[in-house]
C-alpha cells in the first residue's frame, strides 16, 4: 500500500483546498448531481477557521503539494468529518482512507469516542466507500442532537434532494 504524507493544513494552503474541492466535485456530474458538482467550495474564511483551530489536514503528493484535505468538527463527543476531498489525480490510491485513519488517531488521542459524518447514500465514493472504511449507517433513533442539527442544516441547503445518511465509526 502506498504511503501518503499527511500534515496539518497551513494558511497558505487554503486557496489550494478550494481548487481541490472544485476538481473533486466534478465527479458528481457523472452521477446526475450537477448542483453538487457546481457548488462553490468552502470560503477562505470558513477554511481558515478549521486551519487556525487545528482541525484541517492535507495529504501531499510526491511534489509536496496538497492534493487532498479533511476538515473536522467536534460534535457530541465525536470527531465529525465535515469534508474530505481528494483531487481526481490521486483518486483510488488510498489517500482518503489515509486521511481518515490520521484523523481517527487524532480523535482517539483526544479521548473522542467515534468518527461521524453525513454523506450521500447512493454515490459509490460516499456511503459505500465509508462502509469499507469501517463506518456504519445510523438509524434515526441513533442520531445525536448535533447530528440532527447537521442534517437539518443540510436539508435547508437542498442536500436532501438525494438520499443522505449519517454514519459512525467507533474508535
Protein backbone atom coordinates (compact mmCIF):
# COMPACT_ATOMS: atom_id res chain seq x y z
CA UNK A 1 0.00 0.00 0.00
CA UNK A 2 1.18 3.47 -0.88
CA UNK A 3 2.32 5.76 1.93
CA UNK A 4 0.77 9.19 1.99
CA UNK A 5 2.31 12.16 3.77
CA UNK A 6 -0.26 14.00 5.84
CA UNK A 7 0.32 17.23 7.69
CA UNK A 8 -1.73 19.97 9.30
CA UNK A 9 -3.15 22.48 6.86
CA UNK A 10 -1.21 25.75 6.64
CA UNK A 11 -2.76 29.16 5.94
CA UNK A 12 -1.02 29.19 2.57
CA UNK A 13 -2.89 26.00 1.58
CA UNK A 14 -6.41 27.42 1.82
CA UNK A 15 -6.85 28.54 -1.80
CA UNK A 16 -5.46 25.17 -2.93
CA UNK A 17 -8.14 23.44 -0.84
CA UNK A 18 -10.76 25.36 -2.80
CA UNK A 19 -9.16 24.12 -6.05
CA UNK A 20 -9.17 20.54 -4.74
CA UNK A 21 -12.86 20.89 -3.86
CA UNK A 22 -13.76 22.20 -7.31
CA UNK A 23 -11.83 19.40 -9.03
CA UNK A 24 -13.19 16.68 -6.74
CA UNK A 25 -16.74 17.91 -7.15
CA UNK A 26 -16.69 17.42 -10.92
CA UNK A 27 -17.26 13.68 -10.47
CA UNK A 28 -20.82 14.44 -9.33
CA UNK A 29 -21.69 15.35 -12.94
CA UNK A 30 -21.28 11.67 -13.77
CA UNK A 31 -23.92 10.57 -11.26
CA UNK A 32 -26.59 13.11 -12.20
CA UNK A 33 -25.84 15.59 -9.43
CA UNK A 34 -24.73 18.73 -11.31
CA UNK A 35 -25.82 21.02 -8.47
CA UNK A 36 -23.30 19.30 -6.19
CA UNK A 37 -20.63 19.32 -8.89
CA UNK A 38 -21.06 23.05 -9.44
CA UNK A 39 -21.44 24.03 -5.77
CA UNK A 40 -18.97 26.63 -4.51
CA UNK A 41 -16.14 25.35 -2.32
CA UNK A 42 -15.93 26.40 1.34
CA UNK A 43 -14.99 30.05 1.72
CA UNK A 44 -11.47 31.05 2.65
CA UNK A 45 -12.84 32.36 5.97
CA UNK A 46 -14.51 29.01 6.75
CA UNK A 47 -11.38 27.09 5.80
CA UNK A 48 -9.24 29.46 7.90
CA UNK A 49 -11.36 28.70 10.98
CA UNK A 50 -10.61 24.99 10.63
CA UNK A 51 -6.95 25.63 9.91
CA UNK A 52 -6.48 28.03 12.83
CA UNK A 53 -8.24 25.63 15.21
CA UNK A 54 -6.04 22.69 14.16
CA UNK A 55 -8.92 20.76 12.61
CA UNK A 56 -7.74 20.65 8.99
CA UNK A 57 -5.22 18.28 7.38
CA UNK A 58 -3.82 17.85 3.91
CA UNK A 59 -2.33 14.88 2.07
CA UNK A 60 0.63 15.76 -0.12
CA UNK A 61 1.64 14.40 -3.50
CA UNK A 62 5.18 13.40 -4.45
CA UNK A 63 5.99 17.08 -5.11
CA UNK A 64 4.82 18.06 -1.59
CA UNK A 65 1.68 19.79 -2.91
CA UNK A 66 -1.64 19.39 -1.08
CA UNK A 67 -3.87 17.16 -3.22
CA UNK A 68 -6.49 16.13 -0.65
CA UNK A 69 -7.87 17.53 2.56
CA UNK A 70 -10.06 16.72 5.53
CA UNK A 71 -11.93 19.05 7.92
CA UNK A 72 -13.26 18.02 11.34
CA UNK A 73 -15.88 19.44 13.69
CA UNK A 74 -16.42 18.28 17.26
CA UNK A 75 -20.00 17.02 17.56
CA UNK A 76 -21.44 15.27 20.63
CA UNK A 77 -18.16 13.69 21.75
CA UNK A 78 -17.14 12.58 18.27
CA UNK A 79 -14.85 13.89 15.57
CA UNK A 80 -17.29 14.74 12.80
CA UNK A 81 -15.74 14.66 9.33
CA UNK A 82 -17.20 17.79 7.81
CA UNK A 83 -15.44 17.37 4.50
CA UNK A 84 -12.93 15.04 2.89
CA UNK A 85 -11.99 15.63 -0.72
CA UNK A 86 -9.30 14.04 -2.88
CA UNK A 87 -8.17 15.62 -6.13
CA UNK A 88 -9.07 13.30 -9.04
CA UNK A 89 -5.34 12.99 -9.85
CA UNK A 90 -4.94 10.94 -6.65
CA UNK A 91 -8.30 9.16 -6.62
CA UNK A 92 -8.40 5.44 -5.80
CA UNK A 93 -4.92 5.45 -4.29
CA UNK A 94 -5.84 5.27 -0.59
CA UNK A 95 -5.43 8.98 0.09
CA UNK A 96 -8.91 9.49 1.53
CA UNK A 97 -8.54 6.43 3.74
CA UNK A 98 -5.13 7.65 4.93
CA UNK A 99 -6.67 11.00 5.92
CA UNK A 100 -9.50 9.22 7.75
CA UNK A 101 -7.04 6.97 9.62
CA UNK A 102 -4.93 10.00 10.55
CA UNK A 103 -7.97 11.76 11.99
CA UNK A 104 -9.06 8.59 13.79
CA UNK A 105 -5.71 8.57 15.62
CA UNK A 106 -6.00 12.31 16.32
CA UNK A 107 -9.52 11.86 17.72
CA UNK A 108 -8.65 8.82 19.84
CA UNK A 109 -5.71 10.74 21.29
CA UNK A 110 -8.16 13.39 22.46
CA UNK A 111 -10.50 10.90 24.09
CA UNK A 112 -13.20 11.17 21.44
CA UNK A 113 -15.37 8.07 21.11
CA UNK A 114 -16.05 7.96 17.39
CA UNK A 115 -15.83 9.45 13.94
CA UNK A 116 -19.09 10.58 12.37
CA UNK A 117 -20.06 12.01 9.02
CA UNK A 118 -23.03 12.65 6.78
CA UNK A 119 -22.93 11.64 3.14
CA UNK A 120 -24.90 10.64 0.09
CA UNK A 121 -26.14 7.06 0.42
CA UNK A 122 -26.14 6.10 -3.23
CA UNK A 123 -22.92 7.68 -4.51
CA UNK A 124 -20.24 4.94 -4.81
CA UNK A 125 -17.42 7.08 -3.37
CA UNK A 126 -19.65 8.23 -0.48
CA UNK A 127 -21.61 5.85 1.82
CA UNK A 128 -20.42 2.58 0.21
CA UNK A 129 -16.82 3.80 0.45
CA UNK A 130 -17.18 4.86 4.08
CA UNK A 131 -18.71 1.48 4.92
CA UNK A 132 -15.50 -0.11 3.57
CA UNK A 133 -13.59 2.25 5.92
CA UNK A 134 -15.45 0.87 8.95
CA UNK A 135 -18.38 3.28 9.22
CA UNK A 136 -21.95 2.10 9.68
CA UNK A 137 -25.17 3.90 8.84
CA UNK A 138 -27.09 5.21 11.84
CA UNK A 139 -30.82 4.82 12.27
CA UNK A 140 -32.87 7.94 13.03
CA UNK A 141 -33.12 6.78 16.66
CA UNK A 142 -29.31 6.72 16.95
CA UNK A 143 -28.78 10.31 15.81
CA UNK A 144 -27.36 12.61 18.46
CA UNK A 145 -28.69 16.17 18.84
CA UNK A 146 -25.67 17.52 16.99
CA UNK A 147 -26.12 15.13 14.06
CA UNK A 148 -29.81 16.03 13.89
CA UNK A 149 -28.84 19.72 13.69
CA UNK A 150 -26.34 18.99 10.90
CA UNK A 151 -28.99 17.07 8.94
CA UNK A 152 -31.50 19.93 9.39
CA UNK A 153 -28.90 22.39 8.10
CA UNK A 154 -28.15 20.15 5.10
CA UNK A 155 -31.87 19.84 4.31
CA UNK A 156 -32.23 23.64 4.44
CA UNK A 157 -29.46 23.84 1.83
CA UNK A 158 -31.19 21.39 -0.53
CA UNK A 159 -28.98 18.37 0.01
CA UNK A 160 -31.99 16.15 0.70
CA UNK A 161 -32.83 16.11 -3.00
CA UNK A 162 -30.67 12.97 -2.93
CA UNK A 163 -30.71 10.26 -0.23
CA UNK A 164 -28.36 11.05 2.65
CA UNK A 165 -27.21 9.10 5.67
CA UNK A 166 -25.37 9.72 8.95
CA UNK A 167 -22.55 7.26 9.59
CA UNK A 168 -20.41 6.44 12.61
CA UNK A 169 -17.19 4.55 13.29
CA UNK A 170 -16.31 3.69 16.85
CA UNK A 171 -12.75 4.38 17.96
